[in-house]
């Protein structure tokens, strides 16, 4: 299942868990919300449709330091959980990119997203 959130269109959302729980329940039961769409597709099909070659970054502690690479425009970051990605998913993603790391310490995926947004904003001089 693929949930797409268009930040230019989405409205009436807050950052609290209860708001997102209500929105996701509505979306998964066939409802609609401005700026949010749900589609069913496999990981491979989704990734193929989203990116060019060399613009996929698999976040992993053992990867190349993100500060040492030039992140491609319109990149996709693939994050796993504390167990990691299934090997087939990781292998497919790595055929289109590389492993990158935020450092030696493990972080929760939600924290990784925050750090990535900060780093990318800093590179684009948005801070």
N, C-alpha and C. Protein backbone atom coordinates (compact mmCIF):
# COMPACT_ATOMS: atom_id res chain seq x y z
N UNK A 1 0.84 -1.17 0.00
CA UNK A 1 0.00 0.00 0.00
C UNK A 1 0.89 1.24 0.00
N UNK A 2 0.54 2.20 -0.81
CA UNK A 2 1.33 3.41 -0.96
C UNK A 2 0.47 4.60 -0.57
N UNK A 3 0.92 5.34 0.40
CA UNK A 3 0.25 6.55 0.86
C UNK A 3 1.08 7.73 0.41
N UNK A 4 0.47 8.61 -0.38
CA UNK A 4 1.19 9.79 -0.88
C UNK A 4 0.57 11.04 -0.27
N UNK A 5 1.43 11.87 0.29
CA UNK A 5 0.98 13.11 0.90
C UNK A 5 1.63 14.26 0.14
N UNK A 6 0.80 15.08 -0.48
CA UNK A 6 1.27 16.23 -1.25
C UNK A 6 1.22 17.45 -0.33
N UNK A 7 2.37 17.89 0.12
CA UNK A 7 2.46 18.99 1.06
C UNK A 7 1.93 20.31 0.54
N UNK A 8 1.87 20.47 -0.78
CA UNK A 8 1.34 21.71 -1.36
C UNK A 8 -0.19 21.75 -1.32
N UNK A 9 -0.81 20.59 -1.17
CA UNK A 9 -2.27 20.52 -1.25
C UNK A 9 -2.92 20.14 0.09
N UNK A 10 -2.25 19.31 0.87
CA UNK A 10 -2.83 18.80 2.10
C UNK A 10 -3.15 19.94 3.07
N UNK A 11 -4.28 19.83 3.75
CA UNK A 11 -4.63 20.80 4.78
C UNK A 11 -5.48 20.11 5.84
N UNK A 12 -5.78 20.84 6.90
CA UNK A 12 -6.54 20.31 8.03
C UNK A 12 -5.85 19.13 8.69
N UNK A 13 -4.53 19.23 8.85
CA UNK A 13 -3.79 18.19 9.56
C UNK A 13 -2.92 18.84 10.63
N UNK A 14 -2.77 18.12 11.71
CA UNK A 14 -1.84 18.54 12.76
C UNK A 14 -0.80 17.44 12.87
N UNK A 15 0.16 17.63 13.71
CA UNK A 15 1.23 16.64 13.82
C UNK A 15 0.99 15.62 14.91
N UNK A 16 -0.17 15.66 15.55
CA UNK A 16 -0.42 14.71 16.62
C UNK A 16 -0.88 13.37 16.08
N UNK A 17 -0.66 12.34 16.87
CA UNK A 17 -0.96 10.97 16.47
C UNK A 17 -2.45 10.75 16.24
N UNK A 18 -3.29 11.34 17.05
CA UNK A 18 -4.73 11.12 16.93
C UNK A 18 -5.28 11.66 15.60
N UNK A 19 -4.82 12.82 15.18
CA UNK A 19 -5.26 13.38 13.90
C UNK A 19 -4.90 12.44 12.76
N UNK A 20 -3.64 11.97 12.74
CA UNK A 20 -3.20 11.09 11.65
C UNK A 20 -3.88 9.74 11.71
N UNK A 21 -4.18 9.27 12.90
CA UNK A 21 -4.90 8.01 13.03
C UNK A 21 -6.28 8.13 12.39
N UNK A 22 -6.97 9.24 12.64
CA UNK A 22 -8.29 9.45 12.05
C UNK A 22 -8.21 9.58 10.53
N UNK A 23 -7.22 10.32 10.04
CA UNK A 23 -7.06 10.49 8.60
C UNK A 23 -6.77 9.14 7.94
N UNK A 24 -5.85 8.37 8.51
CA UNK A 24 -5.49 7.08 7.91
C UNK A 24 -6.65 6.11 7.94
N UNK A 25 -7.41 6.08 9.03
CA UNK A 25 -8.59 5.21 9.07
C UNK A 25 -9.56 5.58 7.95
N UNK A 26 -9.79 6.87 7.77
CA UNK A 26 -10.70 7.34 6.73
C UNK A 26 -10.19 6.95 5.35
N UNK A 27 -8.89 7.15 5.11
CA UNK A 27 -8.31 6.84 3.80
C UNK A 27 -8.36 5.34 3.51
N UNK A 28 -8.04 4.52 4.50
CA UNK A 28 -8.00 3.08 4.30
C UNK A 28 -9.39 2.47 4.14
N UNK A 29 -10.41 3.18 4.59
CA UNK A 29 -11.77 2.68 4.41
C UNK A 29 -12.43 3.27 3.16
N UNK A 30 -11.63 3.89 2.29
CA UNK A 30 -12.14 4.39 1.02
C UNK A 30 -12.50 5.86 1.01
N UNK A 31 -12.30 6.54 2.12
CA UNK A 31 -12.60 7.97 2.19
C UNK A 31 -11.52 8.79 1.50
N UNK A 32 -11.70 10.09 1.55
CA UNK A 32 -10.76 11.00 0.89
C UNK A 32 -10.34 12.10 1.85
N UNK A 33 -9.16 12.64 1.59
CA UNK A 33 -8.66 13.80 2.32
C UNK A 33 -7.82 14.62 1.33
N UNK A 34 -8.02 15.94 1.30
CA UNK A 34 -7.27 16.76 0.34
C UNK A 34 -5.75 16.59 0.47
N UNK A 35 -5.11 16.25 -0.63
CA UNK A 35 -3.66 16.13 -0.67
C UNK A 35 -3.13 14.77 -0.28
N UNK A 36 -4.02 13.80 0.00
CA UNK A 36 -3.57 12.46 0.38
C UNK A 36 -4.23 11.45 -0.53
N UNK A 37 -3.42 10.57 -1.11
CA UNK A 37 -3.95 9.50 -1.96
C UNK A 37 -3.38 8.17 -1.50
N UNK A 38 -4.15 7.12 -1.73
CA UNK A 38 -3.74 5.77 -1.38
C UNK A 38 -3.81 4.93 -2.65
N UNK A 39 -2.79 4.14 -2.89
CA UNK A 39 -2.82 3.21 -4.02
C UNK A 39 -2.17 1.90 -3.57
N UNK A 40 -2.48 0.87 -4.29
CA UNK A 40 -1.90 -0.44 -3.98
C UNK A 40 -0.90 -0.79 -5.08
N UNK A 41 0.32 -0.94 -4.68
CA UNK A 41 1.36 -1.36 -5.62
C UNK A 41 2.49 -1.96 -4.82
N UNK A 42 3.25 -2.84 -5.43
CA UNK A 42 4.39 -3.43 -4.77
C UNK A 42 5.52 -2.42 -4.64
N UNK A 43 6.45 -2.72 -3.76
CA UNK A 43 7.58 -1.83 -3.53
C UNK A 43 8.37 -1.57 -4.81
N UNK A 44 8.61 -2.64 -5.57
CA UNK A 44 9.40 -2.49 -6.78
C UNK A 44 8.72 -1.57 -7.79
N UNK A 45 7.43 -1.75 -8.01
CA UNK A 45 6.70 -0.90 -8.95
C UNK A 45 6.68 0.54 -8.47
N UNK A 46 6.50 0.73 -7.20
CA UNK A 46 6.49 2.08 -6.64
C UNK A 46 7.83 2.76 -6.84
N UNK A 47 8.90 2.07 -6.52
CA UNK A 47 10.23 2.65 -6.65
C UNK A 47 10.58 2.93 -8.11
N UNK A 48 10.24 2.03 -9.00
CA UNK A 48 10.51 2.24 -10.43
C UNK A 48 9.81 3.50 -10.93
N UNK A 49 8.61 3.74 -10.46
CA UNK A 49 7.85 4.89 -10.92
C UNK A 49 8.25 6.20 -10.30
N UNK A 50 9.06 6.16 -9.27
CA UNK A 50 9.39 7.38 -8.53
C UNK A 50 10.74 7.99 -8.88
N UNK A 51 11.70 7.17 -9.27
CA UNK A 51 13.07 7.67 -9.29
C UNK A 51 13.82 7.33 -10.56
N UNK A 52 14.85 8.11 -10.78
CA UNK A 52 15.84 7.81 -11.82
C UNK A 52 16.92 6.96 -11.17
N UNK A 53 17.77 6.40 -12.01
CA UNK A 53 18.90 5.63 -11.48
C UNK A 53 19.77 6.51 -10.58
N UNK A 54 20.37 5.90 -9.61
CA UNK A 54 21.32 6.56 -8.70
C UNK A 54 20.69 7.62 -7.80
N UNK A 55 19.39 7.59 -7.60
CA UNK A 55 18.79 8.57 -6.69
C UNK A 55 18.05 7.91 -5.54
N UNK A 56 18.41 6.66 -5.26
CA UNK A 56 17.83 5.93 -4.14
C UNK A 56 18.91 5.77 -3.08
N UNK A 57 18.54 6.06 -1.85
CA UNK A 57 19.47 5.95 -0.75
C UNK A 57 18.84 5.07 0.32
N UNK A 58 19.49 3.95 0.61
CA UNK A 58 19.03 3.03 1.64
C UNK A 58 19.74 3.42 2.93
N UNK A 59 18.97 3.84 3.91
CA UNK A 59 19.55 4.29 5.16
C UNK A 59 19.96 3.09 6.01
N UNK A 60 21.24 3.03 6.31
CA UNK A 60 21.79 1.93 7.10
C UNK A 60 23.03 2.41 7.82
N UNK A 61 23.19 1.99 9.05
CA UNK A 61 24.31 2.47 9.88
C UNK A 61 25.67 2.23 9.24
N UNK A 62 25.81 1.17 8.44
CA UNK A 62 27.09 0.86 7.83
C UNK A 62 27.32 1.52 6.48
N UNK A 63 26.42 2.39 6.07
CA UNK A 63 26.55 3.04 4.77
C UNK A 63 27.55 4.18 4.77
N UNK A 64 27.74 4.76 3.60
CA UNK A 64 28.62 5.92 3.44
C UNK A 64 27.97 7.11 4.15
N UNK A 65 28.77 7.91 4.81
CA UNK A 65 28.26 9.08 5.53
C UNK A 65 27.52 10.03 4.60
N UNK A 66 26.34 10.43 4.99
CA UNK A 66 25.53 11.28 4.12
C UNK A 66 26.19 12.63 3.88
N UNK A 67 27.02 13.07 4.80
CA UNK A 67 27.73 14.32 4.62
C UNK A 67 28.78 14.22 3.51
N UNK A 68 29.17 12.99 3.16
CA UNK A 68 30.23 12.77 2.16
C UNK A 68 29.72 12.54 0.75
N UNK A 69 28.41 12.61 0.55
CA UNK A 69 27.86 12.37 -0.79
C UNK A 69 27.07 13.57 -1.27
N UNK A 70 26.95 13.66 -2.57
CA UNK A 70 26.14 14.70 -3.19
C UNK A 70 24.78 14.08 -3.48
N UNK A 71 23.80 14.41 -2.67
CA UNK A 71 22.47 13.80 -2.79
C UNK A 71 21.81 14.31 -4.06
N UNK A 72 21.32 13.37 -4.88
CA UNK A 72 20.66 13.71 -6.14
C UNK A 72 19.34 14.43 -5.88
N UNK A 73 18.93 15.25 -6.83
CA UNK A 73 17.62 15.91 -6.74
C UNK A 73 16.53 14.85 -6.84
N UNK A 74 15.42 15.11 -6.20
CA UNK A 74 14.27 14.19 -6.22
C UNK A 74 14.66 12.79 -5.77
N UNK A 75 15.41 12.72 -4.71
CA UNK A 75 15.87 11.44 -4.18
C UNK A 75 14.79 10.75 -3.37
N UNK A 76 14.97 9.46 -3.22
CA UNK A 76 14.10 8.65 -2.37
C UNK A 76 14.98 7.98 -1.32
N UNK A 77 14.58 8.11 -0.07
CA UNK A 77 15.28 7.46 1.02
C UNK A 77 14.45 6.27 1.48
N UNK A 78 15.08 5.12 1.55
CA UNK A 78 14.40 3.89 1.97
C UNK A 78 14.88 3.56 3.38
N UNK A 79 13.93 3.47 4.30
CA UNK A 79 14.24 3.19 5.70
C UNK A 79 13.60 1.88 6.12
N UNK A 80 14.29 1.16 6.93
CA UNK A 80 13.75 -0.06 7.50
C UNK A 80 13.38 0.15 8.95
N UNK A 81 13.14 -0.94 9.64
CA UNK A 81 12.88 -0.87 11.07
C UNK A 81 14.11 -1.37 11.82
N UNK A 82 13.96 -1.72 13.08
CA UNK A 82 15.11 -2.15 13.88
C UNK A 82 15.68 -3.48 13.39
N UNK A 83 14.91 -4.23 12.61
CA UNK A 83 15.39 -5.50 12.06
C UNK A 83 16.11 -5.27 10.73
N UNK A 84 15.70 -4.27 10.01
CA UNK A 84 16.27 -3.99 8.70
C UNK A 84 15.28 -4.33 7.59
N UNK A 85 15.69 -4.10 6.38
CA UNK A 85 14.85 -4.39 5.22
C UNK A 85 14.95 -5.86 4.84
N UNK A 86 13.88 -6.42 4.30
CA UNK A 86 14.01 -7.77 3.73
C UNK A 86 15.08 -7.74 2.64
N UNK A 87 15.87 -8.80 2.51
CA UNK A 87 17.02 -8.76 1.61
C UNK A 87 16.62 -8.50 0.17
N UNK A 88 15.47 -9.00 -0.29
CA UNK A 88 15.04 -8.75 -1.67
C UNK A 88 14.73 -7.28 -1.90
N UNK A 89 14.09 -6.66 -0.94
CA UNK A 89 13.76 -5.24 -1.03
C UNK A 89 15.04 -4.42 -1.04
N UNK A 90 15.96 -4.74 -0.14
CA UNK A 90 17.22 -4.00 -0.08
C UNK A 90 18.02 -4.17 -1.38
N UNK A 91 18.11 -5.38 -1.88
CA UNK A 91 18.86 -5.63 -3.11
C UNK A 91 18.25 -4.86 -4.28
N UNK A 92 16.93 -4.85 -4.37
CA UNK A 92 16.26 -4.11 -5.44
C UNK A 92 16.56 -2.62 -5.33
N UNK A 93 16.46 -2.07 -4.13
CA UNK A 93 16.73 -0.64 -3.93
C UNK A 93 18.19 -0.30 -4.24
N UNK A 94 19.10 -1.17 -3.85
CA UNK A 94 20.52 -0.89 -4.06
C UNK A 94 20.93 -0.97 -5.52
N UNK A 95 20.14 -1.65 -6.36
CA UNK A 95 20.43 -1.63 -7.80
C UNK A 95 20.17 -0.25 -8.38
N UNK A 96 19.46 0.58 -7.65
CA UNK A 96 19.14 1.93 -8.09
C UNK A 96 19.83 3.00 -7.25
N UNK A 97 20.69 2.60 -6.33
CA UNK A 97 21.32 3.59 -5.48
C UNK A 97 22.39 3.02 -4.59
N UNK A 98 22.47 3.55 -3.38
CA UNK A 98 23.54 3.16 -2.48
C UNK A 98 23.10 3.28 -1.02
N UNK A 99 23.89 2.66 -0.14
CA UNK A 99 23.64 2.75 1.29
C UNK A 99 24.25 4.04 1.81
N UNK A 100 23.49 4.73 2.66
CA UNK A 100 24.00 5.92 3.32
C UNK A 100 23.68 5.83 4.80
N UNK A 101 24.43 6.60 5.59
CA UNK A 101 24.30 6.54 7.03
C UNK A 101 24.23 7.94 7.61
N UNK A 102 23.48 8.05 8.71
CA UNK A 102 23.45 9.29 9.48
C UNK A 102 24.50 9.28 10.57
N UNK A 103 25.22 8.17 10.70
CA UNK A 103 26.24 8.04 11.72
C UNK A 103 26.25 6.64 12.29
N UNK A 104 27.08 6.41 13.26
CA UNK A 104 27.25 5.07 13.84
C UNK A 104 26.11 4.69 14.79
N UNK A 105 25.40 5.66 15.32
CA UNK A 105 24.33 5.37 16.27
C UNK A 105 23.02 5.08 15.54
N UNK A 106 22.29 4.10 16.04
CA UNK A 106 20.97 3.83 15.45
C UNK A 106 19.94 4.85 15.95
N UNK A 107 19.01 5.21 15.07
CA UNK A 107 17.92 6.12 15.40
C UNK A 107 16.60 5.48 14.99
N UNK A 108 15.54 5.90 15.62
CA UNK A 108 14.22 5.48 15.18
C UNK A 108 13.95 6.08 13.80
N UNK A 109 13.18 5.38 12.97
CA UNK A 109 12.91 5.84 11.61
C UNK A 109 12.32 7.25 11.61
N UNK A 110 11.42 7.54 12.53
CA UNK A 110 10.82 8.88 12.58
C UNK A 110 11.89 9.94 12.84
N UNK A 111 12.86 9.63 13.68
CA UNK A 111 13.95 10.57 13.93
C UNK A 111 14.83 10.72 12.71
N UNK A 112 15.05 9.63 11.98
CA UNK A 112 15.86 9.69 10.75
C UNK A 112 15.22 10.64 9.74
N UNK A 113 13.92 10.59 9.61
CA UNK A 113 13.22 11.45 8.67
C UNK A 113 13.42 12.91 9.05
N UNK A 114 13.34 13.20 10.34
CA UNK A 114 13.56 14.57 10.81
C UNK A 114 14.98 15.03 10.51
N UNK A 115 15.96 14.18 10.80
CA UNK A 115 17.36 14.52 10.55
C UNK A 115 17.60 14.71 9.05
N UNK A 116 17.06 13.82 8.22
CA UNK A 116 17.23 13.95 6.77
C UNK A 116 16.64 15.27 6.26
N UNK A 117 15.45 15.61 6.71
CA UNK A 117 14.85 16.87 6.29
C UNK A 117 15.71 18.05 6.70
N UNK A 118 16.25 18.01 7.90
CA UNK A 118 17.13 19.07 8.37
C UNK A 118 18.37 19.19 7.48
N UNK A 119 19.02 18.06 7.21
CA UNK A 119 20.24 18.08 6.40
C UNK A 119 19.97 18.56 4.98
N UNK A 120 18.87 18.11 4.40
CA UNK A 120 18.55 18.52 3.04
C UNK A 120 18.18 20.00 2.98
N UNK A 121 17.43 20.48 3.97
CA UNK A 121 17.11 21.91 4.04
C UNK A 121 18.37 22.74 4.20
N UNK A 122 19.30 22.26 5.01
CA UNK A 122 20.56 22.98 5.23
C UNK A 122 21.37 23.06 3.93
N UNK A 123 21.40 21.97 3.17
CA UNK A 123 22.13 21.97 1.89
C UNK A 123 21.53 22.95 0.89
N UNK A 124 20.22 23.10 0.95
CA UNK A 124 19.55 24.00 0.01
C UNK A 124 19.44 25.41 0.57
N UNK A 125 20.15 25.66 1.66
CA UNK A 125 20.15 26.97 2.31
C UNK A 125 18.75 27.45 2.67
N UNK A 126 17.92 26.52 3.15
CA UNK A 126 16.57 26.88 3.58
C UNK A 126 16.52 27.18 5.07
N UNK A 127 17.63 27.00 5.74
CA UNK A 127 17.67 27.26 7.20
C UNK A 127 18.36 28.56 7.48
